[in-house]
Amino acid sequence: MKKLLFISLLCFSLPVFYAQNAVDLSSKESIESWISTHQFKASVEGDFDMYLEMEQLSTGPSLVLSNDHGKRKIFGQLTYQLTQTAPSVIGIGETESSLEIFISPEGNLMTEGMTFIPVKE
């Protein structure tokens, strides 16, 4: 239900996204390139900054979620879902947890409850 609500909100907000510069996210390679060449940051109100980036590990490309305190959670075995409205990347974590990120047309990464904005190349 949360996923349906999130996608619905995303679809209704697309006209706002297209008012800004769109990033080419039409293929797995373009998505992987965009994520791997940037670090993404989200601020948790009243708490600390969270970061999301892609790293090449011995097992292949992985999404790494970290915070200002040095804690890291790694999500590997990435799968890409290409859609016209919001492509997504799904990574599998250590204890069978998963992380799904949706990519807005301007290149922000969104999870349930957080938006990560690119901060460095």
Protein backbone atom coordinates (compact mmCIF):
# COMPACT_ATOMS: atom_id res chain seq x y z
CA MET A 1 0.00 0.00 0.00
CA LYS A 2 2.85 2.39 0.86
CA LYS A 3 4.52 1.63 -2.46
CA LEU A 4 1.30 2.36 -4.37
CA LEU A 5 0.87 5.66 -2.53
CA PHE A 6 4.51 6.60 -3.18
CA ILE A 7 4.27 5.87 -6.91
CA SER A 8 0.96 7.75 -7.15
CA LEU A 9 2.48 10.82 -5.51
CA LEU A 10 5.48 10.55 -7.79
CA CYS A 11 3.30 10.42 -10.91
CA PHE A 12 1.28 13.46 -9.83
CA SER A 13 4.45 15.45 -9.20
CA LEU A 14 6.08 14.69 -12.58
CA PRO A 15 5.02 17.99 -14.19
CA VAL A 16 7.05 19.78 -11.51
CA PHE A 17 10.05 17.54 -12.21
CA TYR A 18 9.96 18.20 -15.94
CA ALA A 19 10.14 21.94 -15.33
CA GLN A 20 13.77 21.33 -14.33
CA ASN A 21 16.61 19.83 -16.36
CA ALA A 22 16.04 16.14 -16.91
CA VAL A 23 18.85 13.58 -16.67
CA ASP A 24 19.08 10.77 -19.24
CA LEU A 25 17.91 7.69 -17.35
CA SER A 26 16.78 5.56 -20.27
CA SER A 27 19.12 2.59 -19.82
CA LYS A 28 20.78 0.53 -17.12
CA GLU A 29 24.14 1.99 -18.13
CA SER A 30 22.95 5.61 -17.88
CA ILE A 31 21.39 4.97 -14.45
CA GLU A 32 24.51 3.20 -13.19
CA SER A 33 26.71 6.00 -14.53
CA TRP A 34 24.59 8.72 -12.88
CA ILE A 35 24.57 7.03 -9.49
CA SER A 36 28.24 5.99 -9.52
CA THR A 37 29.54 9.47 -10.44
CA HIS A 38 27.70 11.26 -7.62
CA GLN A 39 27.29 11.12 -3.89
CA PHE A 40 23.73 11.72 -2.74
CA LYS A 41 22.76 13.36 0.55
CA ALA A 42 19.53 13.48 2.55
CA SER A 43 19.11 15.35 5.81
CA VAL A 44 17.06 13.71 8.52
CA GLU A 45 15.32 16.55 10.31
CA GLY A 46 16.68 17.00 13.82
CA ASP A 47 19.14 14.17 13.38
CA PHE A 48 22.06 13.72 10.96
CA ASP A 49 22.89 13.51 7.28
CA MET A 50 22.49 10.26 5.35
CA TYR A 51 24.45 9.46 2.19
CA LEU A 52 23.82 7.09 -0.67
CA GLU A 53 26.39 6.18 -3.29
CA MET A 54 27.38 3.34 -5.58
CA GLU A 55 30.67 1.53 -4.99
CA GLN A 56 32.40 -1.17 -6.99
CA LEU A 57 33.04 -4.03 -4.58
CA SER A 58 34.52 -7.45 -5.26
CA THR A 59 30.97 -8.78 -5.73
CA GLY A 60 30.07 -6.06 -8.25
CA PRO A 61 28.35 -2.67 -8.02
CA SER A 62 26.60 -2.03 -4.70
CA LEU A 63 24.51 0.73 -3.17
CA VAL A 64 25.99 1.98 0.09
CA LEU A 65 23.82 3.79 2.62
CA SER A 66 25.88 5.59 5.28
CA ASN A 67 25.60 8.32 7.89
CA ASP A 68 27.78 10.96 9.58
CA HIS A 69 28.74 8.47 12.31
CA GLY A 70 30.43 6.11 9.85
CA LYS A 71 27.80 3.38 9.87
CA ARG A 72 27.33 1.72 6.47
CA LYS A 73 24.79 -0.67 5.05
CA ILE A 74 25.64 -2.36 1.75
CA PHE A 75 23.06 -3.51 -0.81
CA GLY A 76 24.37 -5.68 -3.65
CA GLN A 77 22.91 -7.86 -6.40
CA LEU A 78 21.42 -4.78 -8.04
CA THR A 79 18.47 -5.09 -10.38
CA TYR A 80 17.21 -2.25 -12.56
CA GLN A 81 13.61 -1.57 -13.51
CA LEU A 82 13.27 0.82 -16.41
CA THR A 83 9.99 2.70 -16.63
CA GLN A 84 9.15 5.98 -18.27
CA THR A 85 7.92 7.66 -15.08
CA ALA A 86 10.42 6.55 -12.45
CA PRO A 87 13.16 4.00 -13.07
CA SER A 88 14.28 2.16 -9.96
CA VAL A 89 17.19 0.18 -8.60
CA ILE A 90 16.76 -2.58 -6.05
CA GLY A 91 19.62 -3.86 -3.92
CA ILE A 92 19.69 -6.81 -1.54
CA GLY A 93 21.25 -6.36 1.92
CA GLU A 94 22.99 -8.72 4.31
CA THR A 95 20.04 -10.02 6.35
CA GLU A 96 17.69 -10.42 3.40
CA SER A 97 16.76 -6.76 3.63
CA SER A 98 16.37 -4.75 0.47
CA LEU A 99 16.57 -1.13 -0.62
CA GLU A 100 14.55 0.20 -3.54
CA ILE A 101 15.34 3.64 -4.88
CA PHE A 102 13.33 5.52 -7.47
CA ILE A 103 15.11 8.05 -9.66
CA SER A 104 13.37 11.30 -10.50
CA PRO A 105 13.86 12.85 -13.95
CA GLU A 106 16.20 15.50 -12.49
CA GLY A 107 18.36 12.81 -10.89
CA ASN A 108 17.30 12.74 -7.23
CA LEU A 109 17.10 9.34 -5.55
CA MET A 110 13.98 8.63 -3.52
CA THR A 111 13.27 5.93 -0.99
CA GLU A 112 10.27 5.61 1.27
CA GLY A 113 10.47 8.73 3.41
CA MET A 114 13.74 10.23 2.07
CA THR A 115 14.96 12.15 -0.96
CA PHE A 116 18.68 12.04 -1.71
CA ILE A 117 20.03 14.98 -3.73
CA PRO A 118 23.34 14.77 -5.67
CA VAL A 119 26.06 16.74 -3.86
CA LYS A 120 29.36 15.84 -5.52
CA GLU A 121 30.74 14.33 -8.69
